[in-house]
Amino acid sequence: MSSPARSAGSYRLRAAVQDDQKVIRALVRSVGINPLGLDWPRFLVAVDSKNRILGCAQVKEHGDGSRELASVAVRPPWRGQGIAAAMIRRLIQDNAPPVWLTCRSTLTPFYRRFGFEEVEDDGQMPRLLRRVRRLMNGVFHLLPNGEYLAVMAWWGTERPDGSL
């Protein structure tokens, strides 16, 4: 079986539709990220010329009004093509700051490229993310590599170079 043809511009972004729900769930699970809160109307998807989903991402709004970039996932054969970056840029462009996210600490350099900054002061975080961080860091503490769950915020500016 041949690998899919990939080149710059070989995908487009669109809002998810109800028929995308199963594929979004499967993609998120396949990359090992949080499968909770996958509400298809919030998703942006990247699709190829045959409308097959290559990647997905969402901004979910929490009960306190905070918004969280979440569920950023790209199929492995399509990684490194700028798909995640395009989805992130579109979602932060379409949402007023601040936009929050949680990620493994090893991913913070990736998100800094879009202007996200790590927030370490619990008092600055939305309550839900503060609780999630405490819970997950109890689990991460058991890992040998010192990794932790980082909470980051985008305050409305992307790094000047904007490059990946």
N, C-alpha and C. Protein backbone atom coordinates (compact mmCIF):
# COMPACT_ATOMS: atom_id res chain seq x y z
N MET A 1 0.84 -1.17 0.00
CA MET A 1 0.00 0.00 0.00
C MET A 1 0.89 1.24 0.00
N SER A 2 0.62 2.16 -0.86
CA SER A 2 1.45 3.36 -0.94
C SER A 2 0.98 4.39 0.07
N SER A 3 1.91 5.25 0.49
CA SER A 3 1.56 6.29 1.45
C SER A 3 0.86 7.43 0.71
N PRO A 4 0.03 8.21 1.41
CA PRO A 4 -0.70 9.28 0.75
C PRO A 4 0.24 10.35 0.24
N ALA A 5 -0.13 10.95 -0.88
CA ALA A 5 0.66 12.06 -1.41
C ALA A 5 0.51 13.24 -0.47
N ARG A 6 1.62 13.85 -0.09
CA ARG A 6 1.59 14.97 0.83
C ARG A 6 2.41 16.11 0.26
N SER A 7 1.81 17.26 0.26
CA SER A 7 2.55 18.45 -0.12
C SER A 7 1.84 19.65 0.48
N ALA A 8 2.56 20.75 0.58
CA ALA A 8 1.97 21.97 1.11
C ALA A 8 0.71 22.28 0.30
N GLY A 9 -0.36 22.59 1.00
CA GLY A 9 -1.59 22.92 0.32
C GLY A 9 -2.42 21.71 -0.08
N SER A 10 -2.01 20.50 0.32
CA SER A 10 -2.77 19.31 -0.06
C SER A 10 -3.86 18.99 0.95
N TYR A 11 -4.19 19.92 1.80
CA TYR A 11 -5.28 19.77 2.74
C TYR A 11 -5.99 21.11 2.87
N ARG A 12 -7.19 21.06 3.43
CA ARG A 12 -7.91 22.30 3.72
C ARG A 12 -8.56 22.15 5.08
N LEU A 13 -8.88 23.27 5.69
CA LEU A 13 -9.53 23.28 7.00
C LEU A 13 -11.01 23.54 6.80
N ARG A 14 -11.82 22.86 7.60
CA ARG A 14 -13.27 23.11 7.58
C ARG A 14 -13.84 22.78 8.95
N ALA A 15 -15.02 23.32 9.22
CA ALA A 15 -15.72 22.97 10.45
C ALA A 15 -16.16 21.51 10.36
N ALA A 16 -16.12 20.84 11.49
CA ALA A 16 -16.58 19.45 11.53
C ALA A 16 -18.08 19.39 11.30
N VAL A 17 -18.52 18.27 10.76
CA VAL A 17 -19.95 17.98 10.59
C VAL A 17 -20.25 16.71 11.37
N GLN A 18 -21.52 16.45 11.59
CA GLN A 18 -21.91 15.32 12.44
C GLN A 18 -21.32 14.00 11.95
N ASP A 19 -21.23 13.80 10.65
CA ASP A 19 -20.67 12.56 10.12
C ASP A 19 -19.20 12.37 10.48
N ASP A 20 -18.52 13.43 10.94
CA ASP A 20 -17.11 13.34 11.33
C ASP A 20 -16.91 12.80 12.74
N GLN A 21 -17.98 12.71 13.51
CA GLN A 21 -17.87 12.40 14.93
C GLN A 21 -17.09 11.12 15.21
N LYS A 22 -17.40 10.02 14.53
CA LYS A 22 -16.70 8.75 14.80
C LYS A 22 -15.23 8.84 14.44
N VAL A 23 -14.91 9.51 13.35
CA VAL A 23 -13.51 9.63 12.93
C VAL A 23 -12.73 10.49 13.92
N ILE A 24 -13.34 11.57 14.39
CA ILE A 24 -12.69 12.43 15.38
C ILE A 24 -12.38 11.63 16.64
N ARG A 25 -13.36 10.90 17.15
CA ARG A 25 -13.16 10.09 18.36
C ARG A 25 -12.04 9.08 18.16
N ALA A 26 -12.06 8.40 17.03
CA ALA A 26 -11.03 7.38 16.75
C ALA A 26 -9.65 8.02 16.65
N LEU A 27 -9.55 9.16 15.99
CA LEU A 27 -8.26 9.83 15.84
C LEU A 27 -7.71 10.28 17.20
N VAL A 28 -8.55 10.90 18.01
CA VAL A 28 -8.11 11.36 19.33
C VAL A 28 -7.63 10.18 20.17
N ARG A 29 -8.38 9.10 20.16
CA ARG A 29 -7.97 7.91 20.92
C ARG A 29 -6.68 7.32 20.38
N SER A 30 -6.53 7.31 19.06
CA SER A 30 -5.35 6.68 18.46
C SER A 30 -4.05 7.39 18.81
N VAL A 31 -4.12 8.70 19.08
CA VAL A 31 -2.90 9.43 19.43
C VAL A 31 -2.70 9.53 20.95
N GLY A 32 -3.61 8.93 21.72
CA GLY A 32 -3.41 8.82 23.16
C GLY A 32 -3.65 10.07 23.96
N ILE A 33 -4.57 10.94 23.49
CA ILE A 33 -4.89 12.12 24.29
C ILE A 33 -6.29 11.98 24.88
N ASN A 34 -6.64 12.88 25.78
CA ASN A 34 -7.89 12.82 26.53
C ASN A 34 -9.10 12.67 25.60
N PRO A 35 -9.82 11.54 25.71
CA PRO A 35 -10.98 11.32 24.84
C PRO A 35 -12.28 11.89 25.39
N LEU A 36 -12.22 12.66 26.48
CA LEU A 36 -13.44 13.23 27.06
C LEU A 36 -13.73 14.60 26.46
N GLY A 37 -14.99 14.96 26.39
CA GLY A 37 -15.38 16.28 25.91
C GLY A 37 -15.22 16.46 24.42
N LEU A 38 -15.44 15.39 23.65
CA LEU A 38 -15.30 15.47 22.20
C LEU A 38 -16.66 15.78 21.57
N ASP A 39 -17.00 17.04 21.52
CA ASP A 39 -18.27 17.51 20.99
C ASP A 39 -18.05 18.03 19.57
N TRP A 40 -18.42 17.24 18.57
CA TRP A 40 -18.05 17.52 17.18
C TRP A 40 -18.35 18.95 16.71
N PRO A 41 -19.42 19.65 17.15
CA PRO A 41 -19.64 21.01 16.64
C PRO A 41 -18.53 22.00 16.98
N ARG A 42 -17.70 21.68 17.97
CA ARG A 42 -16.60 22.59 18.34
C ARG A 42 -15.35 22.36 17.52
N PHE A 43 -15.31 21.31 16.72
CA PHE A 43 -14.09 20.89 16.06
C PHE A 43 -13.85 21.57 14.72
N LEU A 44 -12.58 21.78 14.47
CA LEU A 44 -12.06 22.16 13.17
C LEU A 44 -11.31 20.92 12.68
N VAL A 45 -11.49 20.56 11.42
CA VAL A 45 -10.78 19.40 10.89
C VAL A 45 -9.98 19.81 9.66
N ALA A 46 -8.90 19.10 9.45
CA ALA A 46 -8.11 19.23 8.22
C ALA A 46 -8.46 18.00 7.39
N VAL A 47 -8.77 18.23 6.12
CA VAL A 47 -9.16 17.13 5.24
C VAL A 47 -8.35 17.17 3.96
N ASP A 48 -8.20 15.99 3.35
CA ASP A 48 -7.50 15.92 2.07
C ASP A 48 -8.48 16.17 0.93
N SER A 49 -8.03 16.00 -0.30
CA SER A 49 -8.86 16.29 -1.47
C SER A 49 -10.08 15.38 -1.58
N LYS A 50 -10.04 14.25 -0.87
CA LYS A 50 -11.19 13.33 -0.88
C LYS A 50 -12.03 13.47 0.38
N ASN A 51 -11.80 14.56 1.12
CA ASN A 51 -12.54 14.89 2.34
C ASN A 51 -12.28 13.92 3.49
N ARG A 52 -11.16 13.23 3.46
CA ARG A 52 -10.77 12.34 4.56
C ARG A 52 -10.08 13.18 5.63
N ILE A 53 -10.43 12.93 6.89
CA ILE A 53 -9.88 13.71 8.00
C ILE A 53 -8.43 13.32 8.26
N LEU A 54 -7.57 14.34 8.23
CA LEU A 54 -6.14 14.16 8.49
C LEU A 54 -5.78 14.61 9.90
N GLY A 55 -6.55 15.55 10.43
CA GLY A 55 -6.28 16.10 11.75
C GLY A 55 -7.51 16.79 12.29
N CYS A 56 -7.49 17.04 13.60
CA CYS A 56 -8.61 17.72 14.24
C CYS A 56 -8.10 18.52 15.44
N ALA A 57 -8.90 19.49 15.85
CA ALA A 57 -8.62 20.29 17.04
C ALA A 57 -9.91 21.00 17.42
N GLN A 58 -10.01 21.37 18.69
CA GLN A 58 -11.20 22.08 19.14
C GLN A 58 -10.84 23.13 20.18
N VAL A 59 -11.75 24.06 20.37
CA VAL A 59 -11.72 24.95 21.53
C VAL A 59 -13.01 24.69 22.27
N LYS A 60 -12.86 24.22 23.51
CA LYS A 60 -14.05 23.95 24.31
C LYS A 60 -14.21 25.02 25.36
N GLU A 61 -15.48 25.41 25.58
CA GLU A 61 -15.77 26.42 26.59
C GLU A 61 -16.22 25.72 27.86
N HIS A 62 -15.63 26.12 28.97
CA HIS A 62 -15.96 25.53 30.26
C HIS A 62 -17.04 26.37 30.95
N GLY A 63 -17.61 25.82 32.00
CA GLY A 63 -18.71 26.46 32.71
C GLY A 63 -18.38 27.85 33.25
N ASP A 64 -17.11 28.11 33.52
CA ASP A 64 -16.71 29.42 34.03
C ASP A 64 -16.43 30.42 32.92
N GLY A 65 -16.66 30.00 31.66
CA GLY A 65 -16.42 30.89 30.51
C GLY A 65 -15.03 30.78 29.93
N SER A 66 -14.13 30.08 30.59
CA SER A 66 -12.78 29.92 30.03
C SER A 66 -12.85 29.01 28.81
N ARG A 67 -11.93 29.22 27.88
CA ARG A 67 -11.86 28.43 26.65
C ARG A 67 -10.53 27.70 26.61
N GLU A 68 -10.59 26.43 26.16
CA GLU A 68 -9.41 25.59 26.16
C GLU A 68 -9.18 24.98 24.79
N LEU A 69 -8.00 25.21 24.24
CA LEU A 69 -7.57 24.52 23.03
C LEU A 69 -7.33 23.08 23.43
N ALA A 70 -7.93 22.14 22.70
CA ALA A 70 -7.83 20.74 23.11
C ALA A 70 -7.94 19.83 21.90
N SER A 71 -7.61 18.58 22.13
CA SER A 71 -7.81 17.51 21.14
C SER A 71 -7.09 17.77 19.83
N VAL A 72 -5.91 18.36 19.90
CA VAL A 72 -5.11 18.59 18.69
C VAL A 72 -4.47 17.26 18.31
N ALA A 73 -4.88 16.73 17.16
CA ALA A 73 -4.40 15.41 16.72
C ALA A 73 -4.25 15.39 15.21
N VAL A 74 -3.16 14.80 14.75
CA VAL A 74 -2.90 14.65 13.32
C VAL A 74 -2.48 13.20 13.08
N ARG A 75 -3.03 12.62 12.03
CA ARG A 75 -2.65 11.24 11.68
C ARG A 75 -1.14 11.18 11.44
N PRO A 76 -0.47 10.15 11.97
CA PRO A 76 0.99 10.07 11.85
C PRO A 76 1.56 10.29 10.45
N PRO A 77 0.99 9.74 9.39
CA PRO A 77 1.61 9.97 8.07
C PRO A 77 1.57 11.43 7.62
N TRP A 78 0.73 12.24 8.25
CA TRP A 78 0.56 13.63 7.85
C TRP A 78 1.24 14.61 8.79
N ARG A 79 1.91 14.13 9.81
CA ARG A 79 2.61 15.03 10.73
C ARG A 79 3.78 15.69 10.02
N GLY A 80 4.14 16.87 10.47
CA GLY A 80 5.24 17.60 9.88
C GLY A 80 4.85 18.37 8.63
N GLN A 81 3.56 18.43 8.33
CA GLN A 81 3.07 19.13 7.13
C GLN A 81 2.45 20.48 7.46
N GLY A 82 2.48 20.88 8.74
CA GLY A 82 1.91 22.17 9.15
C GLY A 82 0.42 22.12 9.46
N ILE A 83 -0.14 20.92 9.51
CA ILE A 83 -1.58 20.79 9.75
C ILE A 83 -1.95 21.25 11.15
N ALA A 84 -1.26 20.77 12.17
CA ALA A 84 -1.56 21.18 13.55
C ALA A 84 -1.40 22.70 13.69
N ALA A 85 -0.33 23.23 13.12
CA ALA A 85 -0.09 24.67 13.20
C ALA A 85 -1.23 25.46 12.56
N ALA A 86 -1.68 25.02 11.41
CA ALA A 86 -2.78 25.72 10.71
C ALA A 86 -4.06 25.68 11.54
N MET A 87 -4.35 24.53 12.14
CA MET A 87 -5.56 24.43 12.97
C MET A 87 -5.45 25.31 14.20
N ILE A 88 -4.30 25.30 14.86
CA ILE A 88 -4.11 26.11 16.06
C ILE A 88 -4.25 27.59 15.71
N ARG A 89 -3.59 28.01 14.66
CA ARG A 89 -3.68 29.44 14.27
C ARG A 89 -5.12 29.84 13.98
N ARG A 90 -5.86 29.02 13.26
CA ARG A 90 -7.26 29.34 12.94
C ARG A 90 -8.08 29.42 14.22
N LEU A 91 -7.90 28.47 15.12
CA LEU A 91 -8.72 28.46 16.33
C LEU A 91 -8.40 29.64 17.25
N ILE A 92 -7.14 30.01 17.39
CA ILE A 92 -6.86 31.16 18.26
C ILE A 92 -7.27 32.47 17.57
N GLN A 93 -7.24 32.48 16.26
CA GLN A 93 -7.71 33.66 15.51
C GLN A 93 -9.21 33.86 15.73
N ASP A 94 -9.93 32.75 15.84
CA ASP A 94 -11.39 32.80 15.96
C ASP A 94 -11.89 32.90 17.39
N ASN A 95 -10.99 32.93 18.37
CA ASN A 95 -11.39 32.99 19.78
C ASN A 95 -10.66 34.13 20.48
N ALA A 96 -11.41 34.88 21.27
CA ALA A 96 -10.82 35.98 22.02
C ALA A 96 -9.93 35.42 23.13
N PRO A 97 -8.83 36.10 23.42
CA PRO A 97 -7.97 35.66 24.51
C PRO A 97 -8.64 35.89 25.86
N PRO A 98 -8.23 35.16 26.88
CA PRO A 98 -7.22 34.12 26.82
C PRO A 98 -7.80 32.79 26.33
N VAL A 99 -6.94 32.00 25.71
CA VAL A 99 -7.25 30.62 25.36
C VAL A 99 -6.24 29.78 26.13
N TRP A 100 -6.73 28.79 26.84
CA TRP A 100 -5.91 27.94 27.69
C TRP A 100 -5.64 26.61 27.01
N LEU A 101 -4.65 25.88 27.50
CA LEU A 101 -4.44 24.50 27.09
C LEU A 101 -3.67 23.78 28.17
N THR A 102 -3.78 22.47 28.16
CA THR A 102 -2.94 21.63 29.00
C THR A 102 -2.20 20.69 28.07
N CYS A 103 -0.95 20.41 28.40
CA CYS A 103 -0.15 19.50 27.58
C CYS A 103 0.98 18.91 28.41
N ARG A 104 1.55 17.84 27.90
CA ARG A 104 2.75 17.30 28.54
C ARG A 104 3.83 18.38 28.47
N SER A 105 4.64 18.45 29.48
CA SER A 105 5.67 19.50 29.55
C SER A 105 6.62 19.47 28.36
N THR A 106 6.83 18.32 27.76
CA THR A 106 7.72 18.23 26.60
C THR A 106 7.16 18.94 25.38
N LEU A 107 5.86 19.28 25.38
CA LEU A 107 5.23 19.95 24.23
C LEU A 107 5.19 21.47 24.37
N THR A 108 5.63 22.01 25.51
CA THR A 108 5.53 23.46 25.69
C THR A 108 6.30 24.25 24.63
N PRO A 109 7.47 23.81 24.17
CA PRO A 109 8.14 24.59 23.11
C PRO A 109 7.31 24.70 21.83
N PHE A 110 6.58 23.65 21.48
CA PHE A 110 5.72 23.70 20.30
C PHE A 110 4.66 24.78 20.45
N TYR A 111 3.98 24.82 21.58
CA TYR A 111 2.90 25.78 21.77
C TYR A 111 3.40 27.21 21.98
N ARG A 112 4.63 27.36 22.47
CA ARG A 112 5.20 28.71 22.61
C ARG A 112 5.30 29.41 21.25
N ARG A 113 5.46 28.65 20.20
CA ARG A 113 5.57 29.23 18.85
C ARG A 113 4.33 30.02 18.45
N PHE A 114 3.20 29.73 19.10
CA PHE A 114 1.94 30.41 18.79
C PHE A 114 1.62 31.50 19.79
N GLY A 115 2.54 31.73 20.72
CA GLY A 115 2.34 32.76 21.73
C GLY A 115 1.80 32.25 23.04
N PHE A 116 1.65 30.94 23.21
CA PHE A 116 1.21 30.40 24.49
C PHE A 116 2.36 30.51 25.49
N GLU A 117 2.01 30.82 26.74
CA GLU A 117 2.99 30.93 27.81
C GLU A 117 2.58 30.00 28.94
N GLU A 118 3.55 29.34 29.53
CA GLU A 118 3.24 28.45 30.64
C GLU A 118 2.83 29.29 31.86
N VAL A 119 1.78 28.85 32.52
CA VAL A 119 1.27 29.52 33.72
C VAL A 119 1.51 28.57 34.89
N GLU A 120 2.30 29.02 35.84
CA GLU A 120 2.62 28.17 36.99
C GLU A 120 1.86 28.57 38.25
N ASP A 121 1.37 29.79 38.28
CA ASP A 121 0.63 30.29 39.44
C ASP A 121 -0.81 29.79 39.37
N ASP A 122 -1.17 28.92 40.31
CA ASP A 122 -2.53 28.37 40.35
C ASP A 122 -3.60 29.46 40.37
N GLY A 123 -3.31 30.57 41.01
CA GLY A 123 -4.28 31.65 41.14
C GLY A 123 -4.63 32.31 39.81
N GLN A 124 -3.81 32.14 38.80
CA GLN A 124 -4.09 32.73 37.49
C GLN A 124 -4.89 31.79 36.57
N MET A 125 -5.01 30.53 36.96
CA MET A 125 -5.66 29.53 36.11
C MET A 125 -7.14 29.41 36.40
N PRO A 126 -7.91 29.03 35.39
CA PRO A 126 -9.30 28.66 35.66
C PRO A 126 -9.32 27.48 36.63
N ARG A 127 -10.33 27.44 37.47
CA ARG A 127 -10.42 26.42 38.53
C ARG A 127 -10.32 25.00 37.97
N LEU A 128 -11.02 24.72 36.87
CA LEU A 128 -11.00 23.37 36.32
C LEU A 128 -9.58 22.95 35.93
N LEU A 129 -8.85 23.83 35.26
CA LEU A 129 -7.49 23.47 34.83
C LEU A 129 -6.55 23.32 36.02
N ARG A 130 -6.79 24.09 37.05
CA ARG A 130 -5.99 23.97 38.28
C ARG A 130 -6.20 22.57 38.88
N ARG A 131 -7.45 22.12 38.93
CA ARG A 131 -7.75 20.79 39.47
C ARG A 131 -7.18 19.69 38.59
N VAL A 132 -7.32 19.83 37.28
CA VAL A 132 -6.79 18.82 36.35
C VAL A 132 -5.28 18.72 36.51
N ARG A 133 -4.62 19.86 36.60
CA ARG A 133 -3.16 19.85 36.75
C ARG A 133 -2.74 19.14 38.02
N ARG A 134 -3.40 19.44 39.12
CA ARG A 134 -3.05 18.78 40.38
C ARG A 134 -3.25 17.27 40.30
N LEU A 135 -4.36 16.86 39.74
CA LEU A 135 -4.66 15.43 39.61
C LEU A 135 -3.64 14.74 38.71
N MET A 136 -3.41 15.30 37.53
CA MET A 136 -2.51 14.66 36.57
C MET A 136 -1.06 14.69 37.03
N ASN A 137 -0.66 15.73 37.70
CA ASN A 137 0.73 15.77 38.17
C ASN A 137 0.99 14.75 39.26
N GLY A 138 -0.07 14.32 39.95
CA GLY A 138 0.08 13.21 40.88
C GLY A 138 0.43 11.93 40.14
N VAL A 139 -0.15 11.76 38.95
CA VAL A 139 0.14 10.59 38.11
C VAL A 139 1.50 10.76 37.43
N PHE A 140 1.76 11.94 36.85
CA PHE A 140 3.02 12.18 36.16
C PHE A 140 4.20 12.04 37.11
N HIS A 141 3.99 12.35 38.38
CA HIS A 141 5.06 12.24 39.38
C HIS A 141 5.63 10.83 39.44
N LEU A 142 4.82 9.87 39.04
CA LEU A 142 5.26 8.47 39.06
C LEU A 142 6.16 8.13 37.88
N LEU A 143 6.20 8.99 36.87
CA LEU A 143 7.01 8.73 35.69
C LEU A 143 8.47 9.07 35.95
N PRO A 144 9.40 8.31 35.36
CA PRO A 144 10.82 8.52 35.65
C PRO A 144 11.45 9.73 34.96
N ASN A 145 10.83 10.30 33.96
CA ASN A 145 11.50 11.34 33.16
C ASN A 145 11.24 12.76 33.64
N GLY A 146 10.54 12.95 34.73
CA GLY A 146 10.31 14.29 35.25
C GLY A 146 9.26 15.08 34.49
N GLU A 147 8.54 14.44 33.61
CA GLU A 147 7.51 15.12 32.83
C GLU A 147 6.35 15.51 33.75
N TYR A 148 5.65 16.58 33.39
CA TYR A 148 4.51 17.03 34.17
C TYR A 148 3.47 17.61 33.22
N LEU A 149 2.28 17.86 33.74
CA LEU A 149 1.23 18.48 32.95
C LEU A 149 1.38 19.98 33.05
N ALA A 150 1.61 20.61 31.93
CA ALA A 150 1.76 22.07 31.89
C ALA A 150 0.41 22.71 31.55
N VAL A 151 0.16 23.86 32.15
CA VAL A 151 -0.99 24.68 31.81
C VAL A 151 -0.42 25.91 31.12
N MET A 152 -0.98 26.21 29.94
CA MET A 152 -0.48 27.34 29.16
C MET A 152 -1.65 28.24 28.78
N ALA A 153 -1.34 29.50 28.51
CA ALA A 153 -2.36 30.46 28.11
C ALA A 153 -1.85 31.27 26.93
N TRP A 154 -2.77 31.58 26.02
CA TRP A 154 -2.51 32.49 24.91
C TRP A 154 -3.24 33.78 25.26
N TRP A 155 -2.47 34.86 25.36
CA TRP A 155 -3.02 36.14 25.79
C TRP A 155 -3.32 37.06 24.62
N GLY A 156 -3.18 36.56 23.40
CA GLY A 156 -3.57 37.36 22.25
C GLY A 156 -2.45 37.74 21.31
N THR A 157 -1.27 37.18 21.51
CA THR A 157 -0.17 37.50 20.60
C THR A 157 0.57 36.23 20.23
N GLU A 158 0.99 36.17 18.99
CA GLU A 158 1.82 35.06 18.53
C GLU A 158 3.26 35.56 18.56
N ARG A 159 4.19 34.67 18.73
CA ARG A 159 5.60 35.07 18.67
C ARG A 159 5.87 35.76 17.34
N PRO A 160 6.73 36.75 17.34
CA PRO A 160 6.98 37.51 16.12
C PRO A 160 7.39 36.67 14.92
N ASP A 161 8.19 35.63 15.12
CA ASP A 161 8.62 34.84 13.96
C ASP A 161 7.51 33.95 13.44
N GLY A 162 6.60 33.52 14.30
CA GLY A 162 5.46 32.70 13.89
C GLY A 162 5.86 31.41 13.17
N SER A 163 7.11 31.05 13.22
CA SER A 163 7.58 29.90 12.47
C SER A 163 7.50 28.63 13.29
N LEU A 164 7.54 27.54 12.58
CA LEU A 164 7.54 26.23 13.24
C LEU A 164 8.83 25.52 12.98
